[in-house]
Amino acid sequence: MIKHFLDISDLSKKELREILSISKKIKNKPNFFSTFLKQKSLGLLFEKKSLRTRLSFAIGMQKLGGNVIELDSTQIGFGKRESIKDTLNVMSQYIDVLMIRNNNHKQLKQLASLDALPIINGLSDYSHPCQILSDIFTIEEFLGKIENQVVSWMGDFNNVLNSLIQAAEIFKFKLNILVPNALGKAEKKIIKKKNLKYSIFYNDIKEGLKNSDCIMTDTWISMGDKNIKNKKIILKKFQVNDGVMEYAKKNAIFMHCLPAHRSEEVTDSVLDGNQSVVLQQAKNRMYVQQGILLFLLSDVKI
C-alpha cells in the first residue's frame, strides 16, 4: 500500500512518532543513513516560491544517497498537456516519490488518491505538515516532550496554523491561538464545531501568552494575499516584540517558519534574540523531511 504525507491529521500519533524517531537518529548519526535511499529518486514540483523547502528536501535526499530532480510545471505542462492522471502515471515510471508545493490542496488529495506514487505536501493553501512536524522536533530538542508544552500562536489564521491545530489534537499539547476577531472567521466556526479539546482561542494577548513555553508566528501576508494594507492594520497589535515575550515563561522560545517580515509580525530584537530558535528550526526541516522520506520509501526497520 502506498503511503502519502498530506496532512498531520492523516497519520496516527504512532506513525508521527516513528517519523520523529527516525529523524532524530538521522541527525545523531547522518553517515549511517548515507546510502539508505540509494537508487531512489525524488521529484520536486514547485508552483510557489521556496527556499527552505527546496533546500531541505534536495539536500536531505542527497544525503540519504538518493537522486533529486526539480520539475518545472510550465515546462512539463502539468495539468495542461495531458490529464493529471496520465502525467502522474508517467512520473511513477521514473521517480519514487513526488513533493508538491502549490495553492491547491484538493489537487494534492486527488493526486494521492490515484496511488501512483507517494505524494508529499510541501505546502498548500490549506496546510503545511512538514513545517509543523519539524517544529515539534525542534520544540522537543529545546524543551522536552511536546505533550508537556504550552504553545501559543500569534498572528494570522493560515495554513501553518491549520497544521498546528491538527498536531495539538493528536499529540495533546495545549495550543493557545491569538488571531484578531476580524480574521479567520470561517475557520474559527469550523474549529468550534469540531469541539477540539486542545486548541483554545484567546482575545486577550496577555492571558493567551501566560505560561507559554513557545511563541510562534508567521508572516502576516501570505503569497497571493491581496488585501495587504487592511490586514497589516488589523494585525498591528499582534506583533511579537520584547514586551510580548515577557508575558510567556522566562525560558520560552520563539519560533517563526520564515521568511520573516521584520518590524511587522516580529521585531529584530526577538527574531535575533537569545530566545529565538529560528535557524535551528529551519535546519531541522531537513532531518524531519529525511525522516518522512524514509517513512514513505524504506522497507528497512530503522
Protein backbone atom coordinates (compact mmCIF):
# COMPACT_ATOMS: atom_id res chain seq x y z
CA MET A 1 0.00 0.00 0.00
CA ILE A 2 1.35 3.42 -0.99
CA LYS A 3 1.82 5.87 1.87
CA HIS A 4 1.41 9.64 1.47
CA PHE A 5 2.19 12.67 3.64
CA LEU A 6 -0.52 15.26 3.01
CA ASP A 7 -1.75 16.32 6.44
CA ILE A 8 -0.76 15.78 10.05
CA SER A 9 -4.29 14.51 10.73
CA ASP A 10 -3.90 11.72 8.15
CA LEU A 11 -1.38 9.92 10.34
CA SER A 12 -1.66 8.36 13.77
CA LYS A 13 0.40 9.53 16.71
CA LYS A 14 2.37 6.28 16.47
CA GLU A 15 3.25 6.99 12.82
CA LEU A 16 4.21 10.60 13.55
CA ARG A 17 6.37 9.43 16.45
CA GLU A 18 8.03 6.93 14.12
CA ILE A 19 8.98 9.74 11.73
CA LEU A 20 10.32 11.88 14.59
CA SER A 21 12.33 8.94 15.93
CA ILE A 22 13.87 8.27 12.50
CA SER A 23 14.66 11.99 12.15
CA LYS A 24 16.45 12.06 15.49
CA LYS A 25 18.54 9.03 14.56
CA ILE A 26 19.50 10.64 11.25
CA LYS A 27 20.56 13.85 12.96
CA ASN A 28 22.65 11.95 15.51
CA LYS A 29 24.29 9.58 13.00
CA PRO A 30 23.95 11.07 9.49
CA ASN A 31 26.70 8.91 7.96
CA PHE A 32 24.91 5.71 8.96
CA PHE A 33 21.96 6.67 6.72
CA SER A 34 24.01 7.93 3.77
CA THR A 35 23.02 5.07 1.45
CA PHE A 36 19.52 4.21 2.70
CA LEU A 37 17.81 5.72 -0.36
CA LYS A 38 20.45 4.82 -2.93
CA GLN A 39 18.87 4.38 -6.38
CA LYS A 40 15.69 6.18 -5.20
CA SER A 41 14.61 9.42 -6.87
CA LEU A 42 12.65 12.38 -5.52
CA GLY A 43 10.75 14.73 -7.80
CA LEU A 44 10.21 18.33 -6.63
CA LEU A 45 7.35 20.28 -8.19
CA PHE A 46 7.19 23.92 -7.07
CA GLU A 47 4.24 26.04 -8.16
CA LYS A 48 5.08 28.54 -5.41
CA LYS A 49 8.39 30.15 -4.45
CA SER A 50 10.52 28.30 -1.95
CA LEU A 51 13.87 28.45 -0.18
CA ARG A 52 13.82 26.22 2.91
CA THR A 53 11.51 23.54 1.49
CA ARG A 54 13.55 23.38 -1.73
CA LEU A 55 16.93 23.16 0.04
CA SER A 56 15.88 20.83 2.85
CA PHE A 57 14.28 18.26 0.55
CA ALA A 58 17.00 18.39 -2.12
CA ILE A 59 19.98 18.27 0.25
CA GLY A 60 18.21 15.85 2.58
CA MET A 61 17.51 13.36 -0.19
CA GLN A 62 21.08 13.60 -1.48
CA LYS A 63 22.48 12.97 2.00
CA LEU A 64 20.45 9.75 2.08
CA GLY A 65 22.09 8.65 -1.16
CA GLY A 66 19.12 9.43 -3.39
CA ASN A 67 18.65 11.44 -6.56
CA VAL A 68 16.67 14.67 -6.95
CA ILE A 69 15.06 16.25 -9.98
CA GLU A 70 13.23 19.57 -9.89
CA LEU A 71 10.28 19.70 -12.25
CA ASP A 72 9.03 22.94 -13.81
CA SER A 73 5.23 22.73 -14.01
CA THR A 74 5.21 25.02 -17.06
CA GLN A 75 7.88 23.09 -18.91
CA ILE A 76 6.26 19.69 -18.31
CA GLY A 77 2.78 21.10 -18.94
CA PHE A 78 1.48 19.89 -15.58
CA GLY A 79 -2.31 19.68 -15.84
CA LYS A 80 -2.24 21.19 -19.35
CA ARG A 81 -0.79 18.84 -22.00
CA GLU A 82 -2.43 15.68 -20.69
CA SER A 83 -4.56 14.54 -17.80
CA ILE A 84 -3.03 14.73 -14.34
CA LYS A 85 -3.62 11.00 -14.02
CA ASP A 86 -1.57 10.29 -17.14
CA THR A 87 1.15 12.70 -16.01
CA LEU A 88 1.42 11.06 -12.59
CA ASN A 89 1.43 7.54 -14.02
CA VAL A 90 4.32 8.50 -16.30
CA MET A 91 6.20 10.13 -13.40
CA SER A 92 5.84 6.90 -11.41
CA GLN A 93 7.90 5.11 -14.08
CA TYR A 94 10.87 7.39 -13.35
CA ILE A 95 10.70 8.67 -9.78
CA ASP A 96 9.82 7.07 -6.45
CA VAL A 97 8.22 9.97 -4.60
CA LEU A 98 6.86 13.40 -5.53
CA MET A 99 6.88 16.51 -3.34
CA ILE A 100 4.48 19.26 -4.42
CA ARG A 101 4.21 22.85 -3.19
CA ASN A 102 1.11 24.53 -4.58
CA ASN A 103 -2.03 26.55 -3.89
CA ASN A 104 -4.45 23.69 -4.39
CA HIS A 105 -4.87 21.22 -1.55
CA LYS A 106 -7.72 19.47 -3.36
CA GLN A 107 -5.35 18.69 -6.21
CA LEU A 108 -2.87 17.12 -3.79
CA LYS A 109 -5.60 14.87 -2.42
CA GLN A 110 -6.66 13.97 -5.95
CA LEU A 111 -3.09 13.03 -6.86
CA ALA A 112 -2.70 10.92 -3.73
CA SER A 113 -5.98 9.12 -4.44
CA LEU A 114 -4.51 7.83 -7.72
CA ASP A 115 -1.93 5.85 -5.71
CA ALA A 116 0.64 6.04 -8.48
CA LEU A 117 3.47 7.02 -6.12
CA PRO A 118 3.87 8.64 -2.67
CA ILE A 119 2.86 12.31 -2.57
CA ILE A 120 4.29 14.78 -0.04
CA ASN A 121 2.63 18.09 0.70
CA GLY A 122 5.46 20.64 0.72
CA LEU A 123 2.88 23.38 1.45
CA SER A 124 -0.60 24.05 0.13
CA ASP A 125 -3.23 26.72 0.63
CA TYR A 126 -4.69 24.58 3.43
CA SER A 127 -1.77 23.14 5.37
CA HIS A 128 1.99 22.85 5.90
CA PRO A 129 2.54 19.49 7.63
CA CYS A 130 6.30 19.21 7.00
CA GLN A 131 6.84 22.52 8.76
CA ILE A 132 4.80 21.69 11.84
CA LEU A 133 6.23 18.20 12.32
CA SER A 134 9.74 19.65 12.18
CA ASP A 135 8.64 22.40 14.60
CA ILE A 136 7.60 19.71 17.07
CA PHE A 137 11.02 18.11 16.58
CA THR A 138 12.66 21.46 17.41
CA ILE A 139 10.47 22.13 20.45
CA GLU A 140 11.33 18.73 21.87
CA GLU A 141 15.05 19.37 21.34
CA PHE A 142 14.88 22.56 23.40
CA LEU A 143 12.08 21.93 25.89
CA GLY A 144 11.27 18.22 26.09
CA LYS A 145 8.17 16.25 25.15
CA ILE A 146 5.62 18.30 23.22
CA GLU A 147 2.81 16.80 25.31
CA ASN A 148 4.06 18.83 28.29
CA GLN A 149 4.32 22.18 26.48
CA VAL A 150 2.05 25.19 26.03
CA VAL A 151 2.40 26.59 22.51
CA SER A 152 0.95 29.98 21.62
CA TRP A 153 0.25 31.10 18.06
CA MET A 154 0.01 34.82 17.44
CA GLY A 155 -0.98 36.47 14.16
CA ASP A 156 -2.89 35.41 11.05
CA PHE A 157 -5.06 32.34 10.57
CA ASN A 158 -3.25 30.44 7.82
CA ASN A 159 -2.13 27.05 6.51
CA VAL A 160 0.64 26.69 9.11
CA LEU A 161 -1.85 27.21 11.92
CA ASN A 162 -4.17 24.59 10.40
CA SER A 163 -1.41 22.00 10.66
CA LEU A 164 -0.52 23.16 14.17
CA ILE A 165 -4.13 22.68 15.29
CA GLN A 166 -4.11 19.16 13.85
CA ALA A 167 -0.88 18.40 15.70
CA ALA A 168 -2.25 19.70 19.02
CA GLU A 169 -5.20 17.32 18.84
CA ILE A 170 -3.02 14.31 18.05
CA PHE A 171 -0.12 14.96 20.45
CA LYS A 172 -2.45 16.52 23.06
CA PHE A 173 -0.50 19.66 23.86
CA LYS A 174 -2.19 22.93 24.75
CA LEU A 175 -2.37 25.37 21.86
CA ASN A 176 -3.34 28.97 22.61
CA ILE A 177 -4.48 30.83 19.49
CA LEU A 178 -4.37 34.62 19.29
CA VAL A 179 -5.88 35.76 15.99
CA PRO A 180 -7.77 39.05 15.52
CA ASN A 181 -11.55 38.66 15.52
CA ALA A 182 -11.69 40.17 12.03
CA LEU A 183 -9.59 37.33 10.58
CA GLY A 184 -10.27 33.62 10.23
CA LYS A 185 -13.98 33.84 10.99
CA ALA A 186 -14.90 30.87 8.80
CA GLU A 187 -12.03 28.77 10.15
CA LYS A 188 -12.95 29.56 13.75
CA LYS A 189 -16.53 28.40 13.16
CA ILE A 190 -15.30 25.12 11.70
CA ILE A 191 -12.96 24.53 14.62
CA LYS A 192 -15.64 25.31 17.21
CA LYS A 193 -18.00 22.84 15.53
CA LYS A 194 -15.35 20.13 15.83
CA ASN A 195 -15.21 20.66 19.62
CA LEU A 196 -11.42 20.42 19.66
CA LYS A 197 -10.04 19.81 23.15
CA TYR A 198 -6.56 21.28 22.94
CA SER A 199 -6.89 24.39 20.75
CA ILE A 200 -8.20 27.43 22.61
CA PHE A 201 -8.85 30.91 21.21
CA TYR A 202 -7.93 33.98 23.29
CA ASN A 203 -8.86 37.61 22.72
CA ASP A 204 -6.61 38.94 25.48
CA ILE A 205 -2.95 38.73 24.45
CA LYS A 206 -1.52 38.75 27.97
CA GLU A 207 -3.87 35.99 29.10
CA GLY A 208 -3.25 33.93 25.96
CA LEU A 209 0.52 34.02 26.35
CA LYS A 210 0.55 33.31 30.08
CA ASN A 211 2.61 30.20 30.91
CA SER A 212 3.60 29.74 27.28
CA ASP A 213 6.68 27.62 26.58
CA CYS A 214 6.82 28.60 22.93
CA ILE A 215 5.51 31.56 20.95
CA MET A 216 5.03 31.06 17.22
CA THR A 217 4.15 33.45 14.46
CA ASP A 218 4.29 33.70 10.68
CA THR A 219 4.26 36.43 8.08
CA TRP A 220 1.02 38.39 8.06
CA ILE A 221 0.92 38.50 4.28
CA SER A 222 0.95 35.10 2.59
CA MET A 223 1.75 34.60 -1.08
CA GLY A 224 -1.35 35.58 -3.04
CA ASP A 225 -2.89 37.82 -0.37
CA LYS A 226 -4.49 40.91 -1.92
CA ASN A 227 -5.93 42.95 0.95
CA ILE A 228 -2.43 43.75 2.26
CA LYS A 229 -2.89 47.23 3.76
CA ASN A 230 -6.05 46.41 5.71
CA LYS A 231 -4.58 43.17 7.01
CA LYS A 232 -1.49 44.91 8.35
CA ILE A 233 -3.66 47.40 10.23
CA ILE A 234 -5.75 44.62 11.78
CA LEU A 235 -2.67 42.65 12.86
CA LYS A 236 -0.62 45.59 14.17
CA LYS A 237 -1.37 44.77 17.83
CA PHE A 238 -0.35 41.15 17.26
CA GLN A 239 3.33 41.83 16.68
CA VAL A 240 5.75 39.66 18.67
CA ASN A 241 8.11 42.07 20.44
CA ASP A 242 10.09 42.16 23.68
CA GLY A 243 7.05 43.19 25.69
CA VAL A 244 5.01 40.32 24.32
CA MET A 245 7.76 37.78 25.09
CA GLU A 246 7.68 38.88 28.73
CA TYR A 247 4.14 37.50 29.04
CA ALA A 248 5.47 33.98 28.43
CA LYS A 249 7.70 31.87 30.67
CA LYS A 250 11.26 33.12 31.18
CA ASN A 251 12.74 30.19 29.27
CA ALA A 252 10.16 30.36 26.44
CA ILE A 253 11.42 30.01 22.89
CA PHE A 254 10.39 31.99 19.83
CA MET A 255 9.70 30.26 16.51
CA HIS A 256 8.98 31.52 13.00
CA CYS A 257 8.81 29.30 9.92
CA LEU A 258 10.32 32.10 7.81
CA PRO A 259 10.59 34.15 5.68
CA ALA A 260 10.08 36.90 8.24
CA HIS A 261 8.91 40.41 7.53
CA ARG A 262 10.99 42.24 10.09
CA SER A 263 9.28 45.03 12.05
CA GLU A 264 5.87 43.63 11.05
CA GLU A 265 4.95 40.33 12.73
CA VAL A 266 8.20 40.29 14.73
CA THR A 267 10.84 42.77 15.80
CA ASP A 268 14.57 42.36 15.13
CA SER A 269 15.24 42.13 18.86
CA VAL A 270 13.07 38.99 19.15
CA LEU A 271 13.97 37.37 15.83
CA ASP A 272 17.70 37.78 16.51
CA GLY A 273 17.46 37.45 20.29
CA ASN A 274 18.53 34.73 22.71
CA GLN A 275 15.07 33.16 22.85
CA SER A 276 14.84 32.76 19.08
CA VAL A 277 15.49 29.29 17.65
CA VAL A 278 14.54 30.10 14.05
CA LEU A 279 17.83 28.94 12.49
CA GLN A 280 17.76 25.61 14.31
CA GLN A 281 14.10 25.37 13.32
CA ALA A 282 15.00 25.89 9.67
CA LYS A 283 17.84 23.35 9.78
CA ASN A 284 15.65 20.72 11.39
CA ARG A 285 13.35 20.83 8.37
CA MET A 286 15.95 18.70 6.59
CA TYR A 287 16.15 15.99 9.25
CA VAL A 288 12.39 15.63 9.58
CA GLN A 289 11.91 15.57 5.83
CA GLN A 290 14.56 12.88 5.63
CA GLY A 291 12.51 11.03 8.23
CA ILE A 292 9.38 11.45 6.10
CA LEU A 293 11.20 10.15 3.01
CA LEU A 294 12.44 7.07 4.83
CA PHE A 295 8.99 6.50 6.35
CA LEU A 296 7.45 6.55 2.88
CA LEU A 297 10.15 4.72 0.92
CA SER A 298 12.24 2.46 3.11
CA ASP A 299 11.30 -1.13 3.84
CA VAL A 300 14.17 -1.34 6.31
CA LYS A 301 13.33 -1.44 10.02
CA ILE A 302 15.02 1.65 11.48
